[in-house]
Amino acid sequence: MHVFIIIICFIIALLAKLQKNPPRYLNTFIIYILVTIAVEMMAWWYNIHNKHNLIFYNFYGIINFTYLIFLLRSFMANKRMINVMGVLMIIYPVLALINLVFIQKLDTFNTYTFLSGCIIVVTASICYFYERIKYPGPHSLLHEPAFWVSTGLLFFYTCSPPLTGVLNAISLMPFYNYKTLYIINLMVNIILYLLFSISFICNLIFRRYS
C-alpha cells in the first residue's frame, strides 16, 4: 500500500518541477523517489517468489542515508555544519560498505548501518530546526518545502529504529506481533511521504524557496 503513496508523492513532485522557481533539491529528490519505488517493487517481486530481498534494502540503505545527508546539508546555512555533513557524506557510505561486506554481510539486515544513519538524519534535522528558530527567514516555516521534508525525516527516523531494528529477530515473533509491527511501520511510511508531498504542494502554491 505504501508504494502507491510513494508513487503519488512522485507525481506531485513532477508537477512541482513544472512550476516556476522549484526548490533547488527537487531534481535529485525526484530521482531519489524513483529509486525508492524501483527498490520497493523489486523487493516485492522477490518476496512473492519466496526469494530473499534483504540485499536490495541493504544497498538501498547506503544510498538512502548518503543522499539524505546531502539533502539536509543543502538546507543548512551554518558553515561548520555544512562541513561536518560533507565529511559524513564520505565517511558514512565507506563504513556502511565495510559493514555490508565484512561484518553483518549481505544476507542479514544491516542494523548498524540503519541505526547510525537514523542518528545522523535525526541530529541533522534537529540542527536545521535550530537554525530556523534562531535565524528565522522572511517567510513562514509552513511555506517552506525544506521544513516539511525535515519534519518528515525527523518523525520517520525517530520512530523507525525500534520498528526496523528488530527485523533480524522477526522470524521468532508470533504472527500477531509481526502484523502489528507491519501496520505501525506502514503508517509511519505513509506519514513520511504525505509530509514530502506537502513540501511539493508548498512549491505548487507559493512557488518560492527560502
C-alpha atoms as a PDB file:
ATOM      1  CA  MET A   1       0.000   0.000   0.000  1.00  0.00           C
ATOM      2  CA  HIS A   2       2.748   2.498   0.903  1.00  0.00           C
ATOM      3  CA  VAL A   3       4.216   2.059  -2.607  1.00  0.00           C
ATOM      4  CA  PHE A   4       1.092   3.727  -4.033  1.00  0.00           C
ATOM      5  CA  ILE A   5       1.632   6.648  -1.633  1.00  0.00           C
ATOM      6  CA  ILE A   6       5.229   6.929  -2.864  1.00  0.00           C
ATOM      7  CA  ILE A   7       4.020   6.924  -6.485  1.00  0.00           C
ATOM      8  CA  ILE A   8       1.516   9.691  -5.709  1.00  0.00           C
ATOM      9  CA  CYS A   9       4.315  11.626  -3.995  1.00  0.00           C
ATOM     10  CA  PHE A  10       6.452  11.157  -7.128  1.00  0.00           C
ATOM     11  CA  ILE A  11       3.670  12.523  -9.363  1.00  0.00           C
ATOM     12  CA  ILE A  12       3.218  15.598  -7.125  1.00  0.00           C
ATOM     13  CA  ALA A  13       6.988  16.157  -7.234  1.00  0.00           C
ATOM     14  CA  LEU A  14       6.905  16.092 -11.036  1.00  0.00           C
ATOM     15  CA  LEU A  15       4.066  18.651 -11.033  1.00  0.00           C
ATOM     16  CA  ALA A  16       6.053  20.849  -8.652  1.00  0.00           C
ATOM     17  CA  LYS A  17       9.015  20.616 -11.007  1.00  0.00           C
ATOM     18  CA  LEU A  18       6.921  22.204 -13.769  1.00  0.00           C
ATOM     19  CA  GLN A  19       6.304  25.336 -11.707  1.00  0.00           C
ATOM     20  CA  LYS A  20       8.495  28.435 -11.679  1.00  0.00           C
ATOM     21  CA  ASN A  21      11.344  28.573  -9.170  1.00  0.00           C
ATOM     22  CA  PRO A  22      11.220  24.953  -7.940  1.00  0.00           C
ATOM     23  CA  PRO A  23      13.317  24.083  -4.869  1.00  0.00           C
ATOM     24  CA  ARG A  24      16.963  23.502  -5.729  1.00  0.00           C
ATOM     25  CA  TYR A  25      16.885  19.983  -4.326  1.00  0.00           C
ATOM     26  CA  LEU A  26      13.857  18.890  -6.376  1.00  0.00           C
ATOM     27  CA  ASN A  27      15.767  17.339  -9.306  1.00  0.00           C
ATOM     28  CA  THR A  28      17.720  14.966  -7.087  1.00  0.00           C
ATOM     29  CA  PHE A  29      14.687  14.325  -4.893  1.00  0.00           C
ATOM     30  CA  ILE A  30      12.657  13.146  -7.884  1.00  0.00           C
ATOM     31  CA  ILE A  31      15.427  10.682  -8.766  1.00  0.00           C
ATOM     32  CA  TYR A  32      15.597   9.583  -5.116  1.00  0.00           C
ATOM     33  CA  ILE A  33      11.862   8.818  -5.012  1.00  0.00           C
ATOM     34  CA  LEU A  34      12.083   6.978  -8.346  1.00  0.00           C
ATOM     35  CA  VAL A  35      14.921   4.805  -6.995  1.00  0.00           C
ATOM     36  CA  THR A  36      12.846   4.137  -3.867  1.00  0.00           C
ATOM     37  CA  ILE A  37       9.900   2.958  -5.975  1.00  0.00           C
ATOM     38  CA  ALA A  38      12.171   0.699  -8.036  1.00  0.00           C
ATOM     39  CA  VAL A  39      13.698  -0.883  -4.914  1.00  0.00           C
ATOM     40  CA  GLU A  40      10.302  -1.443  -3.310  1.00  0.00           C
ATOM     41  CA  MET A  41       8.960  -3.065  -6.474  1.00  0.00           C
ATOM     42  CA  MET A  42      11.983  -5.369  -6.839  1.00  0.00           C
ATOM     43  CA  ALA A  43      11.844  -6.325  -3.167  1.00  0.00           C
ATOM     44  CA  TRP A  44       8.106  -7.029  -3.505  1.00  0.00           C
ATOM     45  CA  TRP A  45       8.692  -9.228  -6.584  1.00  0.00           C
ATOM     46  CA  TYR A  46      11.386 -11.203  -4.787  1.00  0.00           C
ATOM     47  CA  ASN A  47       9.170 -11.574  -1.730  1.00  0.00           C
ATOM     48  CA  ILE A  48       6.181 -13.016  -3.617  1.00  0.00           C
ATOM     49  CA  HIS A  49       8.549 -15.511  -5.270  1.00  0.00           C
ATOM     50  CA  ASN A  50       9.915 -16.541  -1.856  1.00  0.00           C
ATOM     51  CA  LYS A  51      13.363 -15.132  -2.537  1.00  0.00           C
ATOM     52  CA  HIS A  52      15.488 -13.156  -0.086  1.00  0.00           C
ATOM     53  CA  ASN A  53      15.185  -9.426  -0.710  1.00  0.00           C
ATOM     54  CA  LEU A  54      17.408  -8.073   2.071  1.00  0.00           C
ATOM     55  CA  ILE A  55      20.211  -7.395  -0.391  1.00  0.00           C
ATOM     56  CA  PHE A  56      18.082  -4.666  -2.003  1.00  0.00           C
ATOM     57  CA  TYR A  57      17.336  -2.974   1.303  1.00  0.00           C
ATOM     58  CA  ASN A  58      20.960  -3.206   2.461  1.00  0.00           C
ATOM     59  CA  PHE A  59      22.304  -1.489  -0.653  1.00  0.00           C
ATOM     60  CA  TYR A  60      19.394   0.954  -0.706  1.00  0.00           C
ATOM     61  CA  GLY A  61      20.066   1.864   2.940  1.00  0.00           C
ATOM     62  CA  ILE A  62      23.547   3.087   1.994  1.00  0.00           C
ATOM     63  CA  ILE A  63      22.229   5.118  -0.954  1.00  0.00           C
ATOM     64  CA  ASN A  64      19.275   6.406   1.080  1.00  0.00           C
ATOM     65  CA  PHE A  65      21.205   7.780   4.036  1.00  0.00           C
ATOM     66  CA  THR A  66      24.037   9.166   1.931  1.00  0.00           C
ATOM     67  CA  TYR A  67      21.508  11.098  -0.127  1.00  0.00           C
ATOM     68  CA  LEU A  68      19.600  12.302   2.956  1.00  0.00           C
ATOM     69  CA  ILE A  69      22.843  13.627   4.432  1.00  0.00           C
ATOM     70  CA  PHE A  70      23.417  15.506   1.161  1.00  0.00           C
ATOM     71  CA  LEU A  71      19.816  16.768   1.186  1.00  0.00           C
ATOM     72  CA  LEU A  72      19.832  18.037   4.764  1.00  0.00           C
ATOM     73  CA  ARG A  73      23.233  19.626   4.159  1.00  0.00           C
ATOM     74  CA  SER A  74      21.653  21.682   1.365  1.00  0.00           C
ATOM     75  CA  PHE A  75      19.095  23.066   3.846  1.00  0.00           C
ATOM     76  CA  MET A  76      21.730  24.422   6.233  1.00  0.00           C
ATOM     77  CA  ALA A  77      23.406  27.822   6.408  1.00  0.00           C
ATOM     78  CA  ASN A  78      25.943  27.214   9.188  1.00  0.00           C
ATOM     79  CA  LYS A  79      29.327  26.628   7.525  1.00  0.00           C
ATOM     80  CA  ARG A  80      30.565  24.369  10.304  1.00  0.00           C
ATOM     81  CA  MET A  81      27.544  22.082   9.966  1.00  0.00           C
ATOM     82  CA  ILE A  82      27.864  22.123   6.185  1.00  0.00           C
ATOM     83  CA  ASN A  83      31.481  20.963   6.516  1.00  0.00           C
ATOM     84  CA  VAL A  84      30.564  18.266   9.048  1.00  0.00           C
ATOM     85  CA  MET A  85      27.802  16.952   6.802  1.00  0.00           C
ATOM     86  CA  GLY A  86      30.201  16.988   3.859  1.00  0.00           C
ATOM     87  CA  VAL A  87      32.617  14.769   5.776  1.00  0.00           C
ATOM     88  CA  LEU A  88      29.776  12.428   6.789  1.00  0.00           C
ATOM     89  CA  MET A  89      28.782  12.086   3.130  1.00  0.00           C
ATOM     90  CA  ILE A  90      32.171  10.438   2.568  1.00  0.00           C
ATOM     91  CA  ILE A  91      32.662   8.534   5.815  1.00  0.00           C
ATOM     92  CA  TYR A  92      29.166   7.063   6.149  1.00  0.00           C
ATOM     93  CA  PRO A  93      28.980   5.100   2.858  1.00  0.00           C
ATOM     94  CA  VAL A  94      32.544   3.808   3.352  1.00  0.00           C
ATOM     95  CA  LEU A  95      31.767   2.444   6.828  1.00  0.00           C
ATOM     96  CA  ALA A  96      28.397   1.126   5.615  1.00  0.00           C
ATOM     97  CA  LEU A  97      30.078  -0.811   2.790  1.00  0.00           C
ATOM     98  CA  ILE A  98      32.603  -2.265   5.248  1.00  0.00           C
ATOM     99  CA  ASN A  99      29.705  -3.408   7.416  1.00  0.00           C
ATOM    100  CA  LEU A 100      27.909  -4.851   4.375  1.00  0.00           C
ATOM    101  CA  VAL A 101      30.902  -6.828   3.127  1.00  0.00           C
ATOM    102  CA  PHE A 102      32.782  -7.844   6.276  1.00  0.00           C
ATOM    103  CA  ILE A 103      30.596  -7.534   9.394  1.00  0.00           C
ATOM    104  CA  GLN A 104      26.830  -8.033   9.033  1.00  0.00           C
ATOM    105  CA  LYS A 105      27.115  -9.004   5.347  1.00  0.00           C
ATOM    106  CA  LEU A 106      24.536  -9.304   2.579  1.00  0.00           C
ATOM    107  CA  ASP A 107      22.141 -11.901   3.970  1.00  0.00           C
ATOM    108  CA  THR A 108      21.414 -10.031   7.236  1.00  0.00           C
ATOM    109  CA  PHE A 109      19.623  -6.723   7.594  1.00  0.00           C
ATOM    110  CA  ASN A 110      22.408  -4.211   8.302  1.00  0.00           C
ATOM    111  CA  THR A 111      21.102  -2.745  11.547  1.00  0.00           C
ATOM    112  CA  TYR A 112      24.395  -0.960  12.317  1.00  0.00           C
ATOM    113  CA  THR A 113      24.159   0.922   9.030  1.00  0.00           C
ATOM    114  CA  PHE A 114      20.482   1.687   9.566  1.00  0.00           C
ATOM    115  CA  LEU A 115      20.704   2.848  13.171  1.00  0.00           C
ATOM    116  CA  SER A 116      23.766   5.025  12.588  1.00  0.00           C
ATOM    117  CA  GLY A 117      22.020   6.572   9.574  1.00  0.00           C
ATOM    118  CA  CYS A 118      18.947   7.294  11.710  1.00  0.00           C
ATOM    119  CA  ILE A 119      21.091   9.064  14.312  1.00  0.00           C
ATOM    120  CA  ILE A 120      22.751  11.225  11.660  1.00  0.00           C
ATOM    121  CA  VAL A 121      19.462  12.176   9.964  1.00  0.00           C
ATOM    122  CA  VAL A 122      17.665  12.951  13.231  1.00  0.00           C
ATOM    123  CA  THR A 123      20.591  15.032  14.506  1.00  0.00           C
ATOM    124  CA  ALA A 124      20.857  16.925  11.213  1.00  0.00           C
ATOM    125  CA  SER A 125      17.094  17.582  11.174  1.00  0.00           C
ATOM    126  CA  ILE A 126      17.255  18.999  14.705  1.00  0.00           C
ATOM    127  CA  CYS A 127      20.171  21.222  13.647  1.00  0.00           C
ATOM    128  CA  TYR A 128      18.095  22.503  10.735  1.00  0.00           C
ATOM    129  CA  PHE A 129      15.201  23.399  13.056  1.00  0.00           C
ATOM    130  CA  TYR A 130      17.604  25.053  15.490  1.00  0.00           C
ATOM    131  CA  GLU A 131      18.960  27.223  12.677  1.00  0.00           C
ATOM    132  CA  ARG A 132      15.493  28.205  11.501  1.00  0.00           C
ATOM    133  CA  ILE A 133      14.341  29.071  15.026  1.00  0.00           C
ATOM    134  CA  LYS A 134      17.493  31.037  15.831  1.00  0.00           C
ATOM    135  CA  TYR A 135      17.669  32.771  12.461  1.00  0.00           C
ATOM    136  CA  PRO A 136      14.103  32.970  11.124  1.00  0.00           C
ATOM    137  CA  GLY A 137      13.761  33.867   7.462  1.00  0.00           C
ATOM    138  CA  PRO A 138      11.346  36.342   5.868  1.00  0.00           C
ATOM    139  CA  HIS A 139       8.745  33.642   5.196  1.00  0.00           C
ATOM    140  CA  SER A 140       6.701  31.378   7.429  1.00  0.00           C
ATOM    141  CA  LEU A 141       8.158  27.946   8.071  1.00  0.00           C
ATOM    142  CA  LEU A 142       4.901  26.414   6.890  1.00  0.00           C
ATOM    143  CA  HIS A 143       5.560  27.879   3.435  1.00  0.00           C
ATOM    144  CA  GLU A 144       8.994  26.311   3.132  1.00  0.00           C
ATOM    145  CA  PRO A 145       9.346  22.904   1.425  1.00  0.00           C
ATOM    146  CA  ALA A 146      12.524  22.224   3.435  1.00  0.00           C
ATOM    147  CA  PHE A 147      10.549  22.478   6.671  1.00  0.00           C
ATOM    148  CA  TRP A 148       8.111  19.734   5.648  1.00  0.00           C
ATOM    149  CA  VAL A 149      10.878  17.478   4.336  1.00  0.00           C
ATOM    150  CA  SER A 150      12.863  17.867   7.557  1.00  0.00           C
ATOM    151  CA  THR A 151       9.735  17.297   9.654  1.00  0.00           C
ATOM    152  CA  GLY A 152       9.023  14.068   7.780  1.00  0.00           C
ATOM    153  CA  LEU A 153      12.597  12.851   8.169  1.00  0.00           C
ATOM    154  CA  LEU A 154      12.711  13.728  11.862  1.00  0.00           C
ATOM    155  CA  PHE A 155       9.433  11.927  12.529  1.00  0.00           C
ATOM    156  CA  PHE A 156      10.217   8.857  10.420  1.00  0.00           C
ATOM    157  CA  TYR A 157      13.763   8.256  11.620  1.00  0.00           C
ATOM    158  CA  THR A 158      12.826   8.831  15.236  1.00  0.00           C
ATOM    159  CA  CYS A 159      10.078   6.197  15.000  1.00  0.00           C
ATOM    160  CA  SER A 160      11.903   3.723  12.755  1.00  0.00           C
ATOM    161  CA  PRO A 161      14.748   2.400  14.975  1.00  0.00           C
ATOM    162  CA  PRO A 162      12.515   0.477  17.413  1.00  0.00           C
ATOM    163  CA  LEU A 163      10.458  -0.841  14.472  1.00  0.00           C
ATOM    164  CA  THR A 164      13.124  -1.727  11.922  1.00  0.00           C
ATOM    165  CA  GLY A 165      15.863  -2.560  14.394  1.00  0.00           C
ATOM    166  CA  VAL A 166      14.136  -5.857  15.280  1.00  0.00           C
ATOM    167  CA  LEU A 167      13.977  -7.169  11.708  1.00  0.00           C
ATOM    168  CA  ASN A 168      16.716  -9.721  12.303  1.00  0.00           C
ATOM    169  CA  ALA A 169      14.593 -11.317  15.027  1.00  0.00           C
ATOM    170  CA  ILE A 170      11.288 -11.036  13.203  1.00  0.00           C
ATOM    171  CA  SER A 171      11.182 -14.734  12.291  1.00  0.00           C
ATOM    172  CA  LEU A 172      10.995 -15.516  16.007  1.00  0.00           C
ATOM    173  CA  MET A 173       7.969 -13.299  16.576  1.00  0.00           C
ATOM    174  CA  PRO A 174       4.399 -14.576  16.924  1.00  0.00           C
ATOM    175  CA  PHE A 175       2.310 -13.718  13.857  1.00  0.00           C
ATOM    176  CA  TYR A 176       0.126 -11.134  15.648  1.00  0.00           C
ATOM    177  CA  ASN A 177       3.247  -9.247  16.786  1.00  0.00           C
ATOM    178  CA  TYR A 178       4.575  -9.260  13.245  1.00  0.00           C
ATOM    179  CA  LYS A 179       1.244  -7.974  11.914  1.00  0.00           C
ATOM    180  CA  THR A 180       1.163  -5.148  14.468  1.00  0.00           C
ATOM    181  CA  LEU A 181       4.732  -4.188  13.639  1.00  0.00           C
ATOM    182  CA  TYR A 182       3.921  -4.186   9.920  1.00  0.00           C
ATOM    183  CA  ILE A 183       0.864  -1.935  10.363  1.00  0.00           C
ATOM    184  CA  ILE A 184       2.764   0.574  12.506  1.00  0.00           C
ATOM    185  CA  ASN A 185       5.652   0.653  10.043  1.00  0.00           C
ATOM    186  CA  LEU A 186       3.184   1.128   7.183  1.00  0.00           C
ATOM    187  CA  MET A 187       1.549   4.101   8.902  1.00  0.00           C
ATOM    188  CA  VAL A 188       4.920   5.705   9.639  1.00  0.00           C
ATOM    189  CA  ASN A 189       5.894   5.336   5.958  1.00  0.00           C
ATOM    190  CA  ILE A 190       2.610   6.853   4.808  1.00  0.00           C
ATOM    191  CA  ILE A 191       3.059   9.869   7.096  1.00  0.00           C
ATOM    192  CA  LEU A 192       6.616  10.372   5.791  1.00  0.00           C
ATOM    193  CA  TYR A 193       5.522  10.538   2.160  1.00  0.00           C
ATOM    194  CA  LEU A 194       2.486  12.653   2.979  1.00  0.00           C
ATOM    195  CA  LEU A 195       4.834  15.225   4.526  1.00  0.00           C
ATOM    196  CA  PHE A 196       7.076  15.004   1.472  1.00  0.00           C
ATOM    197  CA  SER A 197       4.004  15.610  -0.688  1.00  0.00           C
ATOM    198  CA  ILE A 198       3.100  18.679   1.386  1.00  0.00           C
ATOM    199  CA  SER A 199       6.584  20.051   0.706  1.00  0.00           C
ATOM    200  CA  PHE A 200       5.961  19.748  -3.035  1.00  0.00           C
ATOM    201  CA  ILE A 201       2.478  21.242  -2.685  1.00  0.00           C
ATOM    202  CA  CYS A 202       4.095  24.221  -0.948  1.00  0.00           C
ATOM    203  CA  ASN A 203       6.082  24.807  -4.105  1.00  0.00           C
ATOM    204  CA  LEU A 204       2.950  24.449  -6.242  1.00  0.00           C
ATOM    205  CA  ILE A 205       1.136  27.057  -4.145  1.00  0.00           C
ATOM    206  CA  PHE A 206       3.800  29.546  -3.104  1.00  0.00           C
ATOM    207  CA  ARG A 207       6.393  28.994  -5.874  1.00  0.00           C
ATOM    208  CA  ARG A 208       9.239  30.123  -3.709  1.00  0.00           C
ATOM    209  CA  TYR A 209      12.020  28.561  -1.728  1.00  0.00           C
ATOM    210  CA  SER A 210      13.929  30.066   1.162  1.00  0.00           C
END
